[in-house]
Each structure stands twice: as C-alpha cells, then as structure tokens.
C-alpha cells in the first residue's frame, strides 16, 4: 500500500493551481473530464517521479465538494489516494470493518473504491489499483513529460487532524491493512510503502480534516521565499497553499 495522490478542494481552481506551480515548481499534466460526474473541475500535477497533487473545484451547486467547503469554512484537504496491489483483499477487509464504499469503478487499466469519510475519519480515502502498476490513469495518457523535480522531489506524507489521533490512526491502519504506531507524545503514524500518514491533535476550529502534506524539496528556504513573494503564509518549516500546510523536508 503506497501513497500515490493527495487531493485539495478549492472554491476557485485556477488560483490554487497557479500557486502550487509557482511555489513548488510543478506543472499541470491533465484536466480529467471524468470528474464532471461529481460536479467538479480538476487539475492534476505530478509530484516527484510518479505521485500527484490534485485540485478539485465545484462547477455546480449541491456537490459533496461544495458541502465540504461550506462545512470547513474554505479551501483545504479533501482526499487521500493510495495504491494497492490486491484490491480484492482490500474490498474484503473494508467490508468486514463495516466501512461504506461511496463510489467505485472497474476499468481495463484501473479500479478504485472511495470510502465514506465518516467511516474512516478526516478525509475521503480512495484505494486504487493500476495495470500496469507504474501507470496512473487519473493523470491522463501523457503525464510523464510534465514531471518536474528541480524544486519538489517527492510526495512524502500527509497529516490528518483528529480529536483522538490514536483512535483515528488505528482506524486508518485497520482500513488500509498497515500498522499504526505512536510518534512522540501525542501524534501517531501509519506507515505506507512509501509514504507516512501522520495523525495529530486538532488545532484551530476547522474540525477533523486532511490538514497537511509533507514534501521533500531541494531547498526549503527557496520554497518559502517563493511563497512569500506571492503573499502566501509561511513558517519555519512550511508554506500554506489552498488551506493546506505543506511541510518541507529535504
């Protein structure tokens, strides 16, 4: 089980995509017309050699994404998408846990199940399988020429804000079939191969959510400087884009 894609949700698609490109040195590879079934527009951006950031934005009233924006008071994290090599086993495990599948599709080269966020916690979880495994249908037929690694090298993890980090980490671990462990006094982690999901106590008033993304970058100071030039929030180790804190690691 590996972390392959993180999705953000935004009221306006283009400004968030422009900030991601300008600050993180990324490039759009695809706009997927398939997300229109959910009332969305999107953009896909490769991160490192074969992972992705996605930004989705509602294109009509009364969408799940629009309700998410209303509930959380603005742009933020939306989905965690992991890749599995045994989706049949994942389906059986999810069913045994009583987790609801809210959407699924099986295609010749890809299959996915989306899990109800209330049953897992903090975000929609998508478990996907690809044929061949190194492909990624959702990024379109020609994403590799758009890979840029000069600034951002790798998608390393995600941070989930939880009322009870230990309990949520245990739930995600059970759903994904991966071990959970304590990470300091209050945080917990679920290790994927590769990628780390970190569960931290709630801070602020936005509720349980996908709060952060961890990236490996060539020069964290340069990324923070790029963000400052665009008047985006920064701190010692991170920049905030689209309501999501991007932690910068070497």
Foldseek 3Di string as FASTA:
>chain_A
DFFAEWEKEFQDAPVLVVLCCQLQVWDWQDWDPVCVVQQWTKTWTDFAQGHIYMYIHHNDPDGPSVVLCVLQVGIATAETEGEDPCVVVLVVLCVVLVWDFPDWDDDPFKIKTWTDCVQQHAYIYMYMYGVVRRDDPRSPDDRRVRDDAQWFHDFAEWEKEAQQQVVNQVSVCSSVVFDKDDDPDRKIWTQDPHHIYIYGYDDDDRHIHGAETETETDDQVSSVVSCVVVVFDDDDAFTDGRRHTYGYHD
